[in-house]
Amino acid sequence: MSHFLTKGDLGGSSILGKPRAMVKVKVRREKSKVSLEIVPGIGVAKPDTILVALPDRIPVLSPDGEVVKPSRGSSFWVTVETIDPFHGVMELPGDWKFR
């Protein structure tokens, strides 16, 4: 199965720089639409984790199917690589300093 991010999405990847808490998500595909559903449990991303800003077209859903939005001034970032079979999502402030 292909990656849910496009080549254009992957162009702005960044290295996290320090450990940070994240939620695990699974990729849900319905026809041409993609969403990320939060699954129980959290993880800690390592400093060398590669992230990209989550495109606005890909919603993050709670386990109940409700859309989860980032706090004002923050955005969601998603791991490029899987933590089989999951990805990680974290909220980072707009002034986050990547490595």
Protein backbone atom coordinates (compact mmCIF):
# COMPACT_ATOMS: atom_id res chain seq x y z
CA MET A 1 0.00 0.00 0.00
CA SER A 2 1.30 3.46 -0.82
CA HIS A 3 2.18 6.09 1.76
CA PHE A 4 -0.71 8.37 2.68
CA LEU A 5 1.46 11.49 2.21
CA THR A 6 2.34 12.76 -1.28
CA LYS A 7 5.82 13.67 -2.52
CA GLY A 8 4.86 17.32 -2.10
CA ASP A 9 3.97 16.73 1.56
CA LEU A 10 7.30 15.05 2.25
CA GLY A 11 9.36 17.97 0.93
CA GLY A 12 9.11 19.89 4.18
CA SER A 13 10.36 17.19 6.54
CA SER A 14 12.22 18.15 9.72
CA ILE A 15 14.09 16.32 12.47
CA LEU A 16 12.38 16.70 15.86
CA GLY A 17 15.53 17.49 17.89
CA LYS A 18 14.44 16.32 21.35
CA PRO A 19 12.09 13.72 22.84
CA ARG A 20 8.41 14.61 22.67
CA ALA A 21 5.16 12.84 23.58
CA MET A 22 2.97 11.68 20.70
CA VAL A 23 -0.25 9.78 20.14
CA LYS A 24 -0.40 6.70 17.96
CA VAL A 25 -2.67 6.86 14.94
CA LYS A 26 -3.79 4.44 12.28
CA VAL A 27 -4.37 5.46 8.70
CA ARG A 28 -7.98 5.15 7.55
CA ARG A 29 -8.69 5.17 3.83
CA GLU A 30 -12.16 5.59 2.40
CA LYS A 31 -12.02 5.82 -1.39
CA SER A 32 -9.70 8.77 -2.05
CA LYS A 33 -10.04 10.30 1.44
CA VAL A 34 -7.48 9.69 4.16
CA SER A 35 -7.81 10.36 7.89
CA LEU A 36 -5.73 9.47 10.94
CA GLU A 37 -7.55 7.82 13.85
CA ILE A 38 -6.08 8.03 17.34
CA VAL A 39 -5.62 4.61 18.96
CA PRO A 40 -5.22 3.99 22.70
CA GLY A 41 -1.75 4.57 24.06
CA ILE A 42 0.91 7.21 23.75
CA GLY A 43 4.54 7.08 22.83
CA VAL A 44 7.66 9.19 23.00
CA ALA A 45 9.28 10.27 19.77
CA LYS A 46 13.07 10.07 19.75
CA PRO A 47 15.12 13.19 18.94
CA ASP A 48 15.99 11.85 15.46
CA THR A 49 12.33 11.31 14.47
CA ILE A 50 11.54 12.73 11.03
CA LEU A 51 8.29 14.69 10.90
CA VAL A 52 6.23 16.63 8.39
CA ALA A 53 3.45 19.10 9.02
CA LEU A 54 0.15 17.26 8.66
CA PRO A 55 -1.67 18.66 5.62
CA ASP A 56 -5.01 20.33 6.37
CA ARG A 57 -6.78 17.87 4.06
CA ILE A 58 -5.99 14.98 6.45
CA PRO A 59 -8.10 15.15 9.61
CA VAL A 60 -7.13 13.62 12.95
CA LEU A 61 -10.04 11.70 14.49
CA SER A 62 -10.67 10.67 18.08
CA PRO A 63 -11.42 6.97 18.72
CA ASP A 64 -15.11 8.05 18.62
CA GLY A 65 -14.72 9.55 15.14
CA GLU A 66 -14.77 13.21 16.21
CA VAL A 67 -12.37 15.61 14.47
CA VAL A 68 -9.54 16.76 16.75
CA LYS A 69 -8.04 20.19 16.06
CA PRO A 70 -4.68 21.55 17.24
CA SER A 71 -4.59 24.37 19.79
CA ARG A 72 -4.38 27.93 18.51
CA GLY A 73 -0.82 28.76 17.47
CA SER A 74 0.09 25.06 17.11
CA SER A 75 -0.12 22.49 14.35
CA PHE A 76 -0.12 18.73 14.04
CA TRP A 77 3.01 16.98 12.82
CA VAL A 78 3.15 13.33 11.77
CA THR A 79 5.99 10.82 11.66
CA VAL A 80 7.19 10.01 8.16
CA GLU A 81 8.11 6.45 9.09
CA THR A 82 5.71 3.97 10.65
CA ILE A 83 5.86 2.45 14.07
CA ASP A 84 4.32 -0.66 12.53
CA PRO A 85 1.52 -0.43 11.75
CA PHE A 86 1.00 3.03 13.25
CA HIS A 87 2.27 6.56 12.76
CA GLY A 88 2.74 9.13 15.50
CA VAL A 89 1.11 12.55 15.66
CA MET A 90 2.12 15.39 17.94
CA GLU A 91 1.08 18.97 18.41
CA LEU A 92 3.95 21.43 18.13
CA PRO A 93 3.88 25.19 18.76
CA GLY A 94 4.50 27.48 15.82
CA ASP A 95 7.87 28.53 17.24
CA TRP A 96 9.19 24.94 17.68
CA LYS A 97 12.92 24.74 16.97
CA PHE A 98 13.77 21.68 14.88
CA ARG A 99 17.26 20.26 14.74
